[in-house]
């Protein structure tokens, strides 16, 4: 029997499998055991991890990283108000008072809430 464990962090994610012989951290498509917690929204697709991190410069307003630190906070929280000025993507208030992000991905805008990996 195998057990899979996920570690979703603010800046990186890990996936490991525990088997009778020990624990193995699974490598991503770039042979790295650590995958950046980044997602990028393009006109036709979404990319995650290393590929999304590579797009932070060219598609900054549609690439989201470090969102986990906002999860569970109210949009009116002074920390959120201060941090949103330094982000390349837009933070928006949700109906429940929480924090969401807004990305533009043709043909329409998308509203997302919760933590991303």
N, C-alpha and C. Protein backbone atom coordinates (compact mmCIF):
# COMPACT_ATOMS: atom_id res chain seq x y z
N UNK A 1 0.84 -1.18 0.00
CA UNK A 1 0.00 0.00 0.00
C UNK A 1 0.89 1.24 0.00
N UNK A 2 0.50 2.26 -0.78
CA UNK A 2 1.22 3.53 -0.86
C UNK A 2 0.36 4.66 -0.34
N UNK A 3 1.01 5.67 0.20
CA UNK A 3 0.33 6.87 0.69
C UNK A 3 0.96 8.07 -0.01
N UNK A 4 0.13 8.98 -0.50
CA UNK A 4 0.61 10.18 -1.17
C UNK A 4 0.43 11.36 -0.24
N UNK A 5 1.46 12.18 -0.12
CA UNK A 5 1.40 13.37 0.72
C UNK A 5 1.65 14.62 -0.12
N UNK A 6 0.89 15.66 0.15
CA UNK A 6 1.04 16.94 -0.54
C UNK A 6 1.44 18.02 0.45
N UNK A 7 2.41 18.81 0.10
CA UNK A 7 2.82 19.96 0.91
C UNK A 7 2.66 21.18 0.02
N UNK A 8 1.59 21.93 0.25
CA UNK A 8 1.31 23.11 -0.55
C UNK A 8 1.75 24.33 0.24
N UNK A 9 2.83 24.93 -0.18
CA UNK A 9 3.37 26.09 0.53
C UNK A 9 3.10 27.39 -0.20
N UNK A 10 3.49 28.49 0.41
CA UNK A 10 3.29 29.81 -0.20
C UNK A 10 4.15 29.98 -1.45
N UNK A 11 5.34 29.42 -1.44
CA UNK A 11 6.24 29.61 -2.57
C UNK A 11 6.53 28.35 -3.35
N UNK A 12 6.29 27.18 -2.76
CA UNK A 12 6.57 25.93 -3.47
C UNK A 12 5.68 24.80 -2.99
N UNK A 13 5.60 23.74 -3.81
CA UNK A 13 4.79 22.55 -3.51
C UNK A 13 5.66 21.31 -3.65
N UNK A 14 5.33 20.31 -2.85
CA UNK A 14 6.01 19.03 -2.91
C UNK A 14 4.97 17.92 -2.91
N UNK A 15 5.27 16.84 -3.63
CA UNK A 15 4.43 15.64 -3.60
C UNK A 15 5.35 14.48 -3.28
N UNK A 16 4.96 13.67 -2.31
CA UNK A 16 5.79 12.53 -1.92
C UNK A 16 4.93 11.28 -1.80
N UNK A 17 5.55 10.14 -2.00
CA UNK A 17 4.88 8.84 -1.88
C UNK A 17 5.61 8.05 -0.80
N UNK A 18 4.84 7.54 0.16
CA UNK A 18 5.40 6.69 1.21
C UNK A 18 5.05 5.24 0.87
N UNK A 19 6.06 4.44 0.75
CA UNK A 19 5.89 3.01 0.45
C UNK A 19 6.63 2.21 1.50
N UNK A 20 6.56 0.93 1.39
CA UNK A 20 7.23 0.06 2.35
C UNK A 20 8.73 0.33 2.42
N UNK A 21 9.33 0.75 1.32
CA UNK A 21 10.76 0.98 1.27
C UNK A 21 11.20 2.37 1.72
N UNK A 22 10.26 3.27 2.01
CA UNK A 22 10.63 4.62 2.43
C UNK A 22 9.76 5.67 1.77
N UNK A 23 10.24 6.90 1.79
CA UNK A 23 9.50 8.03 1.23
C UNK A 23 10.26 8.57 0.02
N UNK A 24 9.53 8.78 -1.07
CA UNK A 24 10.12 9.31 -2.29
C UNK A 24 9.40 10.59 -2.68
N UNK A 25 10.16 11.69 -2.84
CA UNK A 25 9.60 12.95 -3.31
C UNK A 25 9.55 12.88 -4.84
N UNK A 26 8.39 13.14 -5.40
CA UNK A 26 8.17 13.02 -6.84
C UNK A 26 8.73 14.25 -7.56
N UNK A 27 9.46 14.01 -8.64
CA UNK A 27 10.02 15.09 -9.45
C UNK A 27 8.99 15.57 -10.46
N UNK A 28 9.06 16.86 -10.80
CA UNK A 28 8.16 17.42 -11.81
C UNK A 28 8.74 17.21 -13.20
N UNK A 29 8.14 17.85 -14.21
CA UNK A 29 8.58 17.65 -15.59
C UNK A 29 9.97 18.22 -15.86
N UNK A 30 10.51 19.03 -14.95
CA UNK A 30 11.85 19.58 -15.09
C UNK A 30 12.85 18.83 -14.21
N UNK A 31 12.45 17.69 -13.67
CA UNK A 31 13.26 16.85 -12.79
C UNK A 31 13.59 17.52 -11.47
N UNK A 32 12.81 18.53 -11.08
CA UNK A 32 12.96 19.17 -9.78
C UNK A 32 12.00 18.54 -8.79
N UNK A 33 12.39 18.44 -7.57
CA UNK A 33 11.50 17.90 -6.54
C UNK A 33 10.63 18.99 -5.93
N UNK A 34 10.98 20.23 -6.17
CA UNK A 34 10.25 21.38 -5.66
C UNK A 34 9.60 22.11 -6.83
N UNK A 35 8.28 22.28 -6.77
CA UNK A 35 7.55 22.97 -7.84
C UNK A 35 7.07 24.33 -7.32
N UNK A 36 7.39 25.42 -8.02
CA UNK A 36 6.94 26.74 -7.57
C UNK A 36 5.41 26.83 -7.51
N UNK A 37 4.89 27.51 -6.49
CA UNK A 37 3.45 27.72 -6.34
C UNK A 37 3.04 28.93 -7.17
N UNK A 38 3.02 28.74 -8.47
CA UNK A 38 2.72 29.82 -9.40
C UNK A 38 1.78 29.28 -10.47
N UNK A 39 0.81 30.10 -10.89
CA UNK A 39 -0.08 29.75 -11.99
C UNK A 39 -0.20 30.94 -12.90
N UNK A 40 -0.16 30.68 -14.21
CA UNK A 40 -0.24 31.75 -15.21
C UNK A 40 -1.41 31.44 -16.14
N UNK A 41 -2.20 32.45 -16.43
CA UNK A 41 -3.37 32.31 -17.29
C UNK A 41 -3.07 32.95 -18.63
N UNK A 42 -3.06 32.14 -19.69
CA UNK A 42 -2.83 32.64 -21.03
C UNK A 42 -4.13 32.71 -21.81
N UNK A 43 -4.03 33.09 -23.07
CA UNK A 43 -5.23 33.23 -23.89
C UNK A 43 -5.87 31.88 -24.20
N UNK A 44 -5.08 30.81 -24.25
CA UNK A 44 -5.63 29.50 -24.58
C UNK A 44 -5.37 28.43 -23.52
N UNK A 45 -4.50 28.71 -22.56
CA UNK A 45 -4.17 27.67 -21.58
C UNK A 45 -3.76 28.27 -20.25
N UNK A 46 -3.59 27.39 -19.28
CA UNK A 46 -3.07 27.75 -17.96
C UNK A 46 -1.80 26.95 -17.76
N UNK A 47 -0.80 27.59 -17.19
CA UNK A 47 0.42 26.88 -16.88
C UNK A 47 0.68 26.98 -15.38
N UNK A 48 1.35 25.98 -14.84
CA UNK A 48 1.66 25.96 -13.41
C UNK A 48 3.13 25.65 -13.22
N UNK A 49 3.60 25.94 -12.02
CA UNK A 49 4.95 25.59 -11.63
C UNK A 49 6.03 26.38 -12.34
N UNK A 50 7.08 25.68 -12.78
CA UNK A 50 8.24 26.31 -13.39
C UNK A 50 7.85 27.08 -14.65
N UNK A 51 7.01 26.49 -15.49
CA UNK A 51 6.59 27.15 -16.74
C UNK A 51 5.86 28.46 -16.44
N UNK A 52 5.03 28.48 -15.41
CA UNK A 52 4.31 29.71 -15.03
C UNK A 52 5.28 30.73 -14.44
N UNK A 53 6.22 30.27 -13.65
CA UNK A 53 7.20 31.20 -13.05
C UNK A 53 8.02 31.89 -14.13
N UNK A 54 8.29 31.19 -15.22
CA UNK A 54 9.03 31.78 -16.33
C UNK A 54 8.23 32.87 -17.03
N UNK A 55 6.91 32.90 -16.85
CA UNK A 55 6.06 33.90 -17.48
C UNK A 55 5.79 35.11 -16.58
N UNK A 56 6.33 35.14 -15.38
CA UNK A 56 6.08 36.24 -14.47
C UNK A 56 6.54 37.59 -15.02
N UNK A 57 7.54 37.61 -15.84
CA UNK A 57 8.03 38.88 -16.39
C UNK A 57 7.18 39.31 -17.59
N UNK A 58 6.88 38.38 -18.47
CA UNK A 58 6.17 38.74 -19.70
C UNK A 58 4.66 38.84 -19.54
N UNK A 59 4.08 38.11 -18.59
CA UNK A 59 2.63 38.12 -18.36
C UNK A 59 2.34 38.36 -16.87
N UNK A 60 2.94 39.39 -16.31
CA UNK A 60 2.88 39.62 -14.87
C UNK A 60 1.46 39.79 -14.34
N UNK A 61 0.60 40.49 -15.06
CA UNK A 61 -0.75 40.74 -14.53
C UNK A 61 -1.65 39.51 -14.58
N UNK A 62 -1.25 38.46 -15.28
CA UNK A 62 -2.02 37.23 -15.33
C UNK A 62 -1.28 36.05 -14.72
N UNK A 63 -0.23 36.33 -13.95
CA UNK A 63 0.53 35.28 -13.28
C UNK A 63 0.43 35.50 -11.77
N UNK A 64 -0.04 34.49 -11.07
CA UNK A 64 -0.32 34.61 -9.64
C UNK A 64 0.66 33.75 -8.85
N UNK A 65 1.27 34.38 -7.84
CA UNK A 65 2.17 33.66 -6.93
C UNK A 65 1.99 34.22 -5.52
N UNK A 66 2.41 33.46 -4.54
CA UNK A 66 2.33 33.87 -3.13
C UNK A 66 0.93 34.26 -2.68
N UNK A 67 -0.08 33.67 -3.26
CA UNK A 67 -1.45 34.02 -2.90
C UNK A 67 -1.87 33.39 -1.56
N UNK A 68 -1.22 32.34 -1.17
CA UNK A 68 -1.61 31.63 0.06
C UNK A 68 -1.57 32.54 1.29
N UNK A 69 -0.71 33.53 1.30
CA UNK A 69 -0.62 34.43 2.46
C UNK A 69 -1.86 35.29 2.63
N UNK A 70 -2.70 35.39 1.59
CA UNK A 70 -3.93 36.17 1.67
C UNK A 70 -5.13 35.31 2.04
N UNK A 71 -4.98 34.00 1.93
CA UNK A 71 -6.08 33.07 2.18
C UNK A 71 -6.55 33.16 3.63
N UNK A 72 -7.84 33.29 3.81
CA UNK A 72 -8.42 33.34 5.14
C UNK A 72 -8.47 34.73 5.75
N UNK A 73 -7.99 35.73 5.04
CA UNK A 73 -8.02 37.10 5.55
C UNK A 73 -9.18 37.86 4.92
N UNK A 74 -9.64 38.88 5.62
CA UNK A 74 -10.68 39.76 5.08
C UNK A 74 -10.04 40.75 4.12
N UNK A 75 -10.78 41.13 3.08
CA UNK A 75 -10.25 42.09 2.12
C UNK A 75 -9.93 43.42 2.80
N UNK A 76 -10.66 43.75 3.84
CA UNK A 76 -10.45 45.02 4.54
C UNK A 76 -9.26 44.99 5.51
N UNK A 77 -8.63 43.84 5.69
CA UNK A 77 -7.48 43.70 6.57
C UNK A 77 -6.37 44.67 6.12
N UNK A 78 -5.79 45.44 7.05
CA UNK A 78 -4.73 46.39 6.69
C UNK A 78 -3.55 45.73 5.95
N UNK A 79 -3.24 44.49 6.30
CA UNK A 79 -2.17 43.77 5.62
C UNK A 79 -2.49 43.61 4.13
N UNK A 80 -3.72 43.24 3.82
CA UNK A 80 -4.15 43.07 2.43
C UNK A 80 -4.08 44.40 1.69
N UNK A 81 -4.57 45.44 2.31
CA UNK A 81 -4.58 46.75 1.66
C UNK A 81 -3.17 47.25 1.36
N UNK A 82 -2.24 46.96 2.25
CA UNK A 82 -0.86 47.37 2.03
C UNK A 82 -0.19 46.53 0.93
N UNK A 83 -0.41 45.22 0.98
CA UNK A 83 0.24 44.32 0.03
C UNK A 83 -0.29 44.45 -1.39
N UNK A 84 -1.56 44.78 -1.55
CA UNK A 84 -2.14 44.81 -2.90
C UNK A 84 -1.51 45.89 -3.77
N UNK A 85 -0.90 46.90 -3.16
CA UNK A 85 -0.24 47.95 -3.92
C UNK A 85 1.04 47.46 -4.60
N UNK A 86 1.62 46.37 -4.08
CA UNK A 86 2.89 45.86 -4.60
C UNK A 86 2.75 44.66 -5.51
N UNK A 87 1.53 44.28 -5.86
CA UNK A 87 1.30 43.08 -6.66
C UNK A 87 1.10 43.43 -8.12
N UNK A 88 1.49 42.51 -8.99
CA UNK A 88 1.26 42.70 -10.43
C UNK A 88 -0.14 42.27 -10.84
N UNK A 89 -0.80 41.45 -10.00
CA UNK A 89 -2.18 41.02 -10.27
C UNK A 89 -3.12 41.76 -9.33
N UNK A 90 -4.41 41.75 -9.63
CA UNK A 90 -5.39 42.50 -8.86
C UNK A 90 -6.06 41.67 -7.78
N UNK A 91 -6.08 42.18 -6.55
CA UNK A 91 -6.87 41.59 -5.48
C UNK A 91 -8.22 42.28 -5.47
N UNK A 92 -9.28 41.50 -5.30
CA UNK A 92 -10.63 42.06 -5.30
C UNK A 92 -11.41 41.49 -4.11
N UNK A 93 -12.40 42.25 -3.62
CA UNK A 93 -13.21 41.73 -2.52
C UNK A 93 -14.22 40.70 -3.03
N UNK A 94 -14.42 39.65 -2.26
CA UNK A 94 -15.42 38.63 -2.58
C UNK A 94 -16.71 38.97 -1.84
N UNK A 95 -17.80 38.34 -2.23
CA UNK A 95 -19.10 38.61 -1.59
C UNK A 95 -19.08 38.34 -0.09
N UNK A 96 -18.28 37.36 0.33
CA UNK A 96 -18.22 37.01 1.75
C UNK A 96 -17.21 37.87 2.53
N UNK A 97 -16.61 38.86 1.86
CA UNK A 97 -15.65 39.73 2.53
C UNK A 97 -14.22 39.27 2.41
N UNK A 98 -14.01 38.09 1.83
CA UNK A 98 -12.67 37.54 1.67
C UNK A 98 -11.92 38.18 0.51
N UNK A 99 -10.76 37.60 0.22
CA UNK A 99 -9.88 38.12 -0.82
C UNK A 99 -9.96 37.21 -2.04
N UNK A 100 -10.09 37.80 -3.20
CA UNK A 100 -10.06 37.08 -4.46
C UNK A 100 -9.04 37.71 -5.37
N UNK A 101 -8.76 37.07 -6.49
CA UNK A 101 -7.87 37.65 -7.48
C UNK A 101 -8.61 37.77 -8.79
N UNK A 102 -8.22 38.74 -9.58
CA UNK A 102 -8.83 38.94 -10.89
C UNK A 102 -7.74 38.84 -11.94
N UNK A 103 -7.93 37.94 -12.88
CA UNK A 103 -7.01 37.80 -14.00
C UNK A 103 -7.78 37.97 -15.28
N UNK A 104 -7.15 38.51 -16.29
CA UNK A 104 -7.77 38.67 -17.59
C UNK A 104 -7.24 37.58 -18.49
N UNK A 105 -8.14 36.73 -18.91
CA UNK A 105 -7.78 35.62 -19.79
C UNK A 105 -8.80 35.59 -20.91
N UNK A 106 -8.43 36.11 -22.08
CA UNK A 106 -9.42 36.18 -23.17
C UNK A 106 -10.12 34.85 -23.35
N UNK A 107 -11.40 34.82 -23.62
CA UNK A 107 -12.23 35.94 -24.02
C UNK A 107 -12.90 36.68 -22.86
N UNK A 108 -12.65 36.33 -21.59
CA UNK A 108 -13.33 37.02 -20.50
C UNK A 108 -12.43 37.10 -19.28
N UNK A 109 -12.85 37.89 -18.29
CA UNK A 109 -12.13 37.96 -17.03
C UNK A 109 -12.58 36.83 -16.13
N UNK A 110 -11.71 36.38 -15.26
CA UNK A 110 -12.04 35.31 -14.32
C UNK A 110 -11.80 35.81 -12.90
N UNK A 111 -12.69 35.42 -11.99
CA UNK A 111 -12.52 35.73 -10.58
C UNK A 111 -12.17 34.42 -9.88
N UNK A 112 -11.14 34.43 -9.08
CA UNK A 112 -10.70 33.25 -8.36
C UNK A 112 -10.64 33.56 -6.88
N UNK A 113 -10.90 32.57 -6.07
CA UNK A 113 -10.76 32.76 -4.63
C UNK A 113 -10.12 31.52 -4.05
N UNK A 114 -9.60 31.67 -2.86
CA UNK A 114 -8.95 30.55 -2.18
C UNK A 114 -7.48 30.48 -2.52
N UNK A 115 -6.79 29.52 -1.95
CA UNK A 115 -5.36 29.36 -2.16
C UNK A 115 -5.07 28.70 -3.48
N UNK A 116 -3.96 29.04 -4.09
CA UNK A 116 -3.54 28.45 -5.35
C UNK A 116 -2.21 27.76 -5.16
N UNK A 117 -2.04 26.73 -5.93
CA UNK A 117 -0.75 26.07 -5.98
C UNK A 117 -0.36 25.90 -7.42
